Amino acid sequence: MDRPAIVLLSGGLDSTTVLAIAKDQGFTPYALSFRYGQRHSVELEAAKRVAEAQGVARHVITDIDLRAFGGSALTSDIEVPKHESVDQVEESIPVTYVPARNTIFLSFALAYAEVVGASDIFTGVTAVDYSGYPDCRPEYMDAYAKMANLATRAGVEGTQELKLHSPLIAMSKADIVREGLRLGVDYSLTSSCYDPDEQGRACGKCDTCLLRLKGFAEAGVTDPIQYQKA
């Protein structure tokens, strides 16, 4: 029996792992990525590679211009913070937070799910080894799931009971890497950096690079992507 599911796919470590998890659980994945004005648009090329490698039913890349609002180092000319070690990553909400990004992305996923008849949406949010974004917390995901079932015709008519899956939410980056490798994920196809160079090489010093490197180191394996030389 076909079990369609929407998978939010950024092309990074977390979402790529979630895509593999959805497939392992027997779902037919419909991947959804966003060109939202992010400075690290190289991630979309990674998302295309990952979607092709994992054999999704369909991969939609849709456009949203969040640069019209700005307010984030990812969608404006604010400098991306860099650190020498992961210990310097701040626990407060950083300037790389994009206002309401997950709410916006999930709304698109909700519409996509209703169209393809999917009752399941997978997202790679995590509340461990992350940058402190408010829309990555379990309470947010629970609240969104409740709202989602009130927001669509399928939900109101009882033909769809939407479930939000966040399988990584309590996992460390090391655990995520181990799970992905168990499922055969090729992490060389991915891109996580917030400030890559023109060749797409990761900076190695932004929050997401440092957390990614920490995960691979703790998992006892080498990160296969290219980093800029110091």
Protein backbone atom coordinates (compact mmCIF):
# COMPACT_ATOMS: atom_id res chain seq x y z
CA MET A 1 0.00 0.00 0.00
CA ASP A 2 1.34 3.40 -0.99
CA ARG A 3 2.01 5.61 2.05
CA PRO A 4 2.90 9.09 0.77
CA ALA A 5 4.71 11.45 3.13
CA ILE A 6 6.03 14.97 2.73
CA VAL A 7 9.68 15.34 3.74
CA LEU A 8 11.11 18.83 4.24
CA LEU A 9 14.51 18.58 2.58
CA SER A 10 17.10 21.32 2.95
CA GLY A 11 20.00 19.24 1.68
CA GLY A 12 21.70 19.29 5.08
CA LEU A 13 22.69 16.51 7.45
CA ASP A 14 19.47 16.42 9.47
CA SER A 15 16.88 16.54 6.70
CA THR A 16 18.82 14.01 4.62
CA THR A 17 18.79 11.60 7.56
CA VAL A 18 15.06 12.15 8.05
CA LEU A 19 14.42 11.34 4.40
CA ALA A 20 16.20 8.02 4.87
CA ILE A 21 14.20 7.35 8.04
CA ALA A 22 10.90 8.02 6.26
CA LYS A 23 11.85 5.57 3.52
CA ASP A 24 12.97 2.99 6.09
CA GLN A 25 9.56 3.26 7.76
CA GLY A 26 7.85 2.36 4.51
CA PHE A 27 6.73 5.80 3.34
CA THR A 28 6.87 7.04 -0.24
CA PRO A 29 8.65 10.38 0.13
CA TYR A 30 7.63 13.60 -1.60
CA ALA A 31 10.47 16.01 -0.95
CA LEU A 32 9.92 19.74 -0.48
CA SER A 33 12.69 22.35 -0.56
CA PHE A 34 12.66 26.14 -0.54
CA ARG A 35 14.47 28.89 -2.39
CA TYR A 36 13.71 31.54 0.20
CA GLY A 37 16.47 34.05 -0.47
CA GLN A 38 19.01 32.25 1.70
CA ARG A 39 22.64 33.23 1.20
CA HIS A 40 23.63 29.55 1.36
CA SER A 41 21.64 28.58 -1.74
CA VAL A 42 24.23 25.89 -2.48
CA GLU A 43 22.10 23.75 -0.16
CA LEU A 44 19.48 23.48 -2.92
CA GLU A 45 21.98 21.75 -5.19
CA ALA A 46 22.65 19.38 -2.30
CA ALA A 47 18.91 18.79 -1.89
CA LYS A 48 18.65 17.88 -5.57
CA ARG A 49 21.53 15.40 -5.24
CA VAL A 50 20.03 13.83 -2.13
CA ALA A 51 16.53 13.57 -3.62
CA GLU A 52 17.90 11.85 -6.71
CA ALA A 53 20.15 9.50 -4.73
CA GLN A 54 17.35 8.43 -2.39
CA GLY A 55 14.76 8.08 -5.13
CA VAL A 56 11.90 10.32 -3.98
CA ALA A 57 8.56 10.18 -5.77
CA ARG A 58 8.76 13.90 -6.53
CA HIS A 59 10.96 16.81 -5.47
CA VAL A 60 9.41 20.27 -5.42
CA ILE A 61 11.55 23.38 -4.95
CA THR A 62 9.35 26.37 -4.33
CA ASP A 63 10.17 30.07 -4.10
CA ILE A 64 9.53 32.35 -1.13
CA ASP A 65 11.25 35.74 -0.87
CA LEU A 66 12.09 36.10 2.82
CA ARG A 67 14.76 38.65 1.90
CA ALA A 68 11.85 41.06 1.58
CA PHE A 69 11.69 41.02 5.38
CA GLY A 70 15.33 40.37 6.25
CA GLY A 71 15.94 40.15 9.98
CA SER A 72 18.37 37.23 9.75
CA ALA A 73 21.99 36.69 8.79
CA LEU A 74 20.70 34.13 6.28
CA THR A 75 18.36 36.53 4.45
CA SER A 76 20.12 39.90 4.74
CA ASP A 77 23.58 41.44 4.84
CA ILE A 78 24.07 40.67 8.53
CA GLU A 79 27.36 38.82 9.02
CA VAL A 80 27.14 35.11 9.83
CA PRO A 81 28.77 34.55 13.27
CA LYS A 82 31.96 32.48 13.23
CA HIS A 83 33.72 30.73 16.12
CA GLU A 84 36.92 28.83 16.68
CA SER A 85 35.26 25.98 18.57
CA VAL A 86 31.82 24.52 19.24
CA ASP A 87 32.13 25.63 22.88
CA GLN A 88 31.68 29.21 21.69
CA VAL A 89 28.27 28.55 20.13
CA GLU A 90 25.84 30.66 22.14
CA GLU A 91 22.76 29.20 23.80
CA SER A 92 20.69 32.31 23.07
CA ILE A 93 18.79 32.59 19.79
CA PRO A 94 21.41 33.58 17.17
CA VAL A 95 21.14 36.04 14.27
CA THR A 96 20.94 33.07 11.87
CA TYR A 97 17.38 32.49 13.11
CA VAL A 98 14.98 33.26 10.25
CA PRO A 99 11.73 34.69 11.66
CA ALA A 100 8.90 32.14 11.49
CA ARG A 101 10.77 30.01 8.93
CA ASN A 102 9.56 26.62 10.15
CA THR A 103 5.99 27.84 10.41
CA ILE A 104 6.16 29.04 6.82
CA PHE A 105 7.78 25.82 5.59
CA LEU A 106 5.31 23.61 7.43
CA SER A 107 2.40 25.56 5.96
CA PHE A 108 3.64 24.75 2.47
CA ALA A 109 4.15 21.13 3.50
CA LEU A 110 0.60 21.03 4.83
CA ALA A 111 -0.77 22.21 1.48
CA TYR A 112 1.42 19.73 -0.41
CA ALA A 113 0.26 16.91 1.86
CA GLU A 114 -3.39 17.63 1.24
CA VAL A 115 -2.86 17.65 -2.53
CA VAL A 116 -1.00 14.30 -2.67
CA GLY A 117 -3.18 12.67 -0.01
CA ALA A 118 -0.43 12.38 2.58
CA SER A 119 -1.24 12.21 6.28
CA ASP A 120 2.41 12.42 7.35
CA ILE A 121 5.00 15.20 7.28
CA PHE A 122 8.62 14.57 8.24
CA THR A 123 10.92 17.35 9.41
CA GLY A 124 14.51 17.34 10.63
CA VAL A 125 14.14 19.64 13.62
CA THR A 126 16.24 18.76 16.65
CA ALA A 127 16.36 20.17 20.16
CA VAL A 128 19.79 18.68 20.96
CA ASP A 129 23.08 20.02 19.50
CA TYR A 130 21.25 22.81 17.69
CA SER A 131 21.35 26.61 17.48
CA GLY A 132 18.52 27.38 19.89
CA TYR A 133 15.81 28.20 17.36
CA PRO A 134 12.37 28.52 19.01
CA ASP A 135 10.60 26.70 16.18
CA CYS A 136 12.63 23.51 16.74
CA ARG A 137 11.19 22.71 20.17
CA PRO A 138 8.88 19.75 20.87
CA GLU A 139 6.13 22.02 22.22
CA TYR A 140 6.12 23.98 18.98
CA MET A 141 5.81 20.83 16.87
CA ASP A 142 2.96 19.53 19.06
CA ALA A 143 1.09 22.83 18.78
CA TYR A 144 1.52 22.97 15.01
CA ALA A 145 0.19 19.44 14.59
CA LYS A 146 -2.97 20.36 16.50
CA MET A 147 -3.48 23.47 14.41
CA ALA A 148 -2.82 21.63 11.16
CA ASN A 149 -5.73 19.27 11.69
CA LEU A 150 -8.05 22.26 12.00
CA ALA A 151 -6.69 24.03 8.92
CA THR A 152 -7.53 21.85 5.91
CA ARG A 153 -10.61 20.53 4.18
CA ALA A 154 -9.24 16.99 4.52
CA GLY A 155 -8.85 17.47 8.27
CA VAL A 156 -12.32 18.94 8.76
CA GLU A 157 -13.99 16.27 6.60
CA GLY A 158 -12.13 13.53 8.46
CA THR A 159 -10.31 12.13 5.43
CA GLN A 160 -6.90 13.08 6.79
CA GLU A 161 -5.43 13.06 10.29
CA LEU A 162 -2.10 14.77 9.88
CA LYS A 163 0.90 13.55 11.85
CA LEU A 164 4.11 15.55 12.20
CA HIS A 165 7.18 13.34 12.51
CA SER A 166 10.32 14.78 14.12
CA PRO A 167 12.40 11.62 14.61
CA LEU A 168 15.60 13.54 15.38
CA ILE A 169 14.21 15.91 17.97
CA ALA A 170 15.83 14.20 20.96
CA MET A 171 18.93 12.93 19.16
CA SER A 172 22.44 14.35 19.34
CA LYS A 173 24.29 15.11 16.12
CA ALA A 174 26.46 12.03 16.72
CA ASP A 175 23.35 9.85 17.05
CA ILE A 176 21.95 11.38 13.86
CA VAL A 177 25.16 10.60 11.96
CA ARG A 178 25.18 7.01 13.27
CA GLU A 179 21.54 6.50 12.28
CA GLY A 180 22.13 7.91 8.82
CA LEU A 181 25.13 5.71 8.24
CA ARG A 182 23.13 2.69 9.40
CA LEU A 183 20.57 3.55 6.74
CA GLY A 184 23.22 4.00 4.05
CA VAL A 185 23.09 7.81 3.77
CA ASP A 186 25.84 9.33 1.62
CA TYR A 187 26.69 12.47 3.56
CA SER A 188 29.12 13.61 0.86
CA LEU A 189 26.05 14.78 -1.07
CA THR A 190 24.91 17.14 1.69
CA SER A 191 25.63 20.76 2.57
CA SER A 192 25.03 22.35 5.98
CA CYS A 193 27.16 25.52 6.01
CA TYR A 194 25.52 28.94 6.42
CA ASP A 195 28.37 30.74 4.66
CA PRO A 196 29.99 28.51 2.01
CA ASP A 197 32.44 29.88 -0.56
CA GLU A 198 31.83 30.12 -4.30
CA GLN A 199 32.92 26.50 -4.75
CA GLY A 200 30.34 25.38 -2.17
CA ARG A 201 32.98 24.48 0.42
CA ALA A 202 31.86 24.78 4.04
CA CYS A 203 33.42 27.50 6.20
CA GLY A 204 33.95 25.19 9.19
CA LYS A 205 33.37 28.01 11.68
CA CYS A 206 29.65 28.89 11.64
CA ASP A 207 27.36 27.30 14.22
CA THR A 208 25.99 24.65 11.90
CA CYS A 209 29.45 23.64 10.66
CA LEU A 210 30.80 23.34 14.18
CA LEU A 211 27.84 21.28 15.37
CA ARG A 212 28.09 19.06 12.31
CA LEU A 213 31.83 18.49 12.82
CA LYS A 214 31.18 17.73 16.50
CA GLY A 215 28.63 15.09 15.49
CA PHE A 216 30.94 13.33 13.07
CA ALA A 217 33.84 13.45 15.54
CA GLU A 218 31.73 11.97 18.34
CA ALA A 219 30.42 9.31 15.97
CA GLY A 220 34.03 8.37 15.20
CA VAL A 221 33.85 9.04 11.46
CA THR A 222 35.22 11.70 9.13
CA ASP A 223 32.86 14.26 7.64
CA PRO A 224 33.09 13.59 3.86
CA ILE A 225 32.27 17.11 2.62
CA GLN A 226 34.87 19.70 1.64
CA TYR A 227 35.82 22.50 4.03
CA GLN A 228 37.69 25.70 3.27
CA LYS A 229 41.32 25.67 4.28
CA ALA A 230 42.14 27.67 7.41
